[in-house]
Protein backbone atom coordinates (compact mmCIF):
# COMPACT_ATOMS: atom_id res chain seq x y z
CA UNK A 1 39.01 14.17 -20.07
CA UNK A 2 42.61 13.69 -21.11
CA UNK A 3 42.17 9.88 -21.13
CA UNK A 4 39.09 10.16 -23.39
CA UNK A 5 40.89 12.48 -25.80
CA UNK A 6 43.92 10.20 -26.06
CA UNK A 7 41.61 7.16 -26.52
CA UNK A 8 39.71 8.88 -29.33
CA UNK A 9 42.97 9.88 -30.99
CA UNK A 10 44.20 6.27 -30.74
CA UNK A 11 40.98 4.92 -32.34
CA UNK A 12 41.29 7.49 -35.14
CA UNK A 13 44.90 6.54 -35.83
CA UNK A 14 44.02 2.80 -35.80
CA UNK A 15 41.26 3.39 -38.37
CA UNK A 16 43.71 4.87 -40.88
CA UNK A 17 45.26 1.51 -41.91
CA UNK A 18 42.16 -0.61 -41.10
CA UNK A 19 39.74 1.05 -43.57
CA UNK A 20 41.96 0.51 -46.66
CA UNK A 21 42.71 -3.05 -45.49
CA UNK A 22 38.99 -3.86 -45.39
CA UNK A 23 38.58 -2.38 -48.88
CA UNK A 24 41.51 -4.50 -50.08
CA UNK A 25 39.96 -7.69 -48.69
CA UNK A 26 36.50 -6.98 -50.14
CA UNK A 27 37.71 -5.77 -53.58
CA UNK A 28 37.07 -8.97 -55.61
CA UNK A 29 33.41 -9.01 -54.60
CA UNK A 30 32.66 -5.92 -56.71
CA UNK A 31 31.13 -5.93 -60.18
CA UNK A 32 33.36 -6.91 -63.09
CA UNK A 33 33.09 -5.92 -66.74
CA UNK A 34 33.75 -8.52 -69.40
CA UNK A 35 32.10 -11.63 -70.68
CA UNK A 36 28.31 -11.50 -70.56
CA UNK A 37 28.20 -7.70 -70.73
CA UNK A 38 27.93 -5.44 -73.76
CA UNK A 39 31.36 -4.57 -75.12
CA UNK A 40 32.05 -1.70 -77.55
CA UNK A 41 32.52 -2.92 -81.13
CA UNK A 42 32.89 0.31 -83.10
CA UNK A 43 30.94 2.79 -85.18
CA UNK A 44 27.85 1.66 -87.06
CA UNK A 45 29.17 3.11 -90.32
CA UNK A 46 32.32 0.95 -90.15
CA UNK A 47 30.32 -2.26 -89.67
CA UNK A 48 27.60 -1.71 -92.29
CA UNK A 49 27.69 -3.88 -95.38
CA UNK A 50 26.93 -7.36 -96.67
CA UNK A 51 30.57 -8.45 -96.30
CA UNK A 52 31.27 -9.70 -92.75
CA UNK A 53 33.75 -7.71 -90.66
CA UNK A 54 35.79 -9.38 -87.92
CA UNK A 55 35.59 -7.36 -84.71
CA UNK A 56 37.82 -7.92 -81.68
CA UNK A 57 36.12 -7.23 -78.35
CA UNK A 58 38.14 -5.70 -75.50
CA UNK A 59 37.41 -4.94 -71.86
CA UNK A 60 39.23 -4.39 -68.60
CA UNK A 61 39.91 -7.76 -67.00
CA UNK A 62 39.65 -8.05 -63.24
CA UNK A 63 41.18 -11.17 -61.72
CA UNK A 64 41.26 -11.30 -57.93
CA UNK A 65 43.17 -8.11 -57.06
CA UNK A 66 44.67 -7.46 -60.48
CA UNK A 67 43.09 -5.15 -63.05
CA UNK A 68 44.44 -5.31 -66.61
CA UNK A 69 43.09 -2.68 -69.02
CA UNK A 70 42.01 -3.46 -72.61
CA UNK A 71 42.33 -7.24 -72.72
CA UNK A 72 41.06 -9.02 -75.83
CA UNK A 73 38.21 -11.26 -74.63
CA UNK A 74 37.18 -12.61 -78.02
CA UNK A 75 36.10 -11.86 -81.57
CA UNK A 76 32.93 -11.95 -83.63
CA UNK A 77 31.78 -11.56 -87.21
CA UNK A 78 29.44 -8.61 -87.86
CA UNK A 79 27.41 -8.09 -91.03
CA UNK A 80 24.33 -6.22 -92.10
CA UNK A 81 21.28 -8.22 -93.15
CA UNK A 82 17.95 -6.58 -94.02
CA UNK A 83 19.08 -3.26 -92.56
CA UNK A 84 20.01 -4.67 -89.16
CA UNK A 85 23.38 -5.73 -87.81
CA UNK A 86 23.94 -9.37 -86.98
CA UNK A 87 26.86 -10.78 -85.00
CA UNK A 88 28.18 -14.34 -84.90
CA UNK A 89 30.81 -15.87 -82.65
CA UNK A 90 34.11 -16.82 -84.32
CA UNK A 91 34.13 -20.06 -82.30
CA UNK A 92 32.96 -23.17 -84.19
CA UNK A 93 30.08 -24.92 -82.34
CA UNK A 94 31.63 -28.31 -83.20
CA UNK A 95 34.93 -28.31 -81.29
CA UNK A 96 35.79 -24.64 -80.77
CA UNK A 97 38.13 -23.96 -83.70
CA UNK A 98 38.34 -20.42 -85.11
CA UNK A 99 35.81 -19.82 -87.89
CA UNK A 100 37.03 -17.67 -90.79
CA UNK A 101 35.19 -15.98 -93.66
CA UNK A 102 35.91 -17.16 -97.22
CA UNK A 103 35.12 -14.25 -99.53
CA UNK A 104 35.32 -16.40 -102.66
CA UNK A 105 32.55 -18.79 -101.61
CA UNK A 106 30.84 -16.21 -99.36
CA UNK A 107 30.69 -18.65 -96.45
CA UNK A 108 32.07 -18.96 -92.97
CA UNK A 109 34.41 -21.94 -92.81
CA UNK A 110 36.02 -23.92 -90.03
CA UNK A 111 39.45 -25.21 -91.10
CA UNK A 112 39.56 -28.05 -88.56
CA UNK A 113 36.70 -30.34 -89.63
CA UNK A 114 35.40 -28.62 -92.76
CA UNK A 115 32.19 -27.21 -91.34
CA UNK A 116 30.73 -24.46 -93.54
CA UNK A 117 28.11 -21.89 -92.59
CA UNK A 118 26.03 -19.51 -94.72
CA UNK A 119 25.86 -15.76 -94.15
CA UNK A 120 22.83 -16.41 -91.94
CA UNK A 121 24.93 -18.72 -89.76
CA UNK A 122 23.14 -21.91 -90.87
CA UNK A 123 25.16 -25.12 -91.22
CA UNK A 124 25.76 -25.94 -94.90
CA UNK A 125 28.40 -28.67 -94.58
CA UNK A 126 30.42 -30.58 -92.02
CA UNK A 127 29.90 -32.07 -88.59
CA UNK A 128 28.80 -28.92 -86.70
CA UNK A 129 25.81 -29.82 -84.48
CA UNK A 130 24.20 -26.37 -84.73
CA UNK A 131 24.45 -23.03 -86.58
CA UNK A 132 27.00 -20.37 -85.67
CA UNK A 133 26.23 -18.85 -82.30
CA UNK A 134 24.54 -15.48 -82.78
CA UNK A 135 25.40 -12.69 -80.35
CA UNK A 136 23.19 -9.86 -79.14
CA UNK A 137 23.84 -6.48 -80.81
CA UNK A 138 22.91 -3.08 -79.37
CA UNK A 139 23.10 0.21 -81.30
CA UNK A 140 23.08 3.58 -79.59
CA UNK A 141 24.03 7.00 -81.00
CA UNK A 142 25.87 5.49 -83.97
CA UNK A 143 27.94 3.15 -81.78
CA UNK A 144 27.61 -0.62 -81.69
CA UNK A 145 28.04 -2.86 -78.65
CA UNK A 146 27.97 -6.67 -78.64
CA UNK A 147 27.25 -9.03 -75.76
CA UNK A 148 30.02 -11.63 -75.74
CA UNK A 149 28.81 -15.02 -74.50
CA UNK A 150 30.61 -18.36 -74.80
CA UNK A 151 28.59 -21.48 -75.54
CA UNK A 152 29.28 -25.17 -74.95
CA UNK A 153 30.74 -26.94 -77.99
CA UNK A 154 29.64 -30.25 -79.46
CA UNK A 155 26.00 -30.04 -78.36
CA UNK A 156 22.93 -29.31 -80.51
CA UNK A 157 21.46 -26.63 -78.19
CA UNK A 158 23.03 -23.26 -77.29
CA UNK A 159 24.14 -23.67 -73.65
CA UNK A 160 26.11 -20.80 -72.10
CA UNK A 161 29.30 -21.92 -70.38
């Protein structure tokens, strides 16, 4: 009986460091928030209007065993058209430069190769092979969330990377 008791105690003590070690080794296989998921963008009232608003999208970044809170994953332009919010990526579909909004001409413009896009995202000038990449918008209880997806540049079709 004494041998069985000491054996059980030894197994229990051995399990103390083994269980956390197994969790440590399996940690990266868990689910990760970030690109491809809906990220909070702000209140609906702050994003309403015909003038585009640049929104930075943040999430916790998990890389192997490191977790970094509130990392900027990207940006998008949000504007209201026909009562619904629309979001466009700030990445130019031509070569990936940062697209900015020119309030004077009311167009999105890429400073690298002079591509210009209308408020609907359509190409109006320049070498861009397709319109600005639209992003999925979700509204719930007055809060807006946007699904951040990156697309391949330089091709005529939207292909997620």
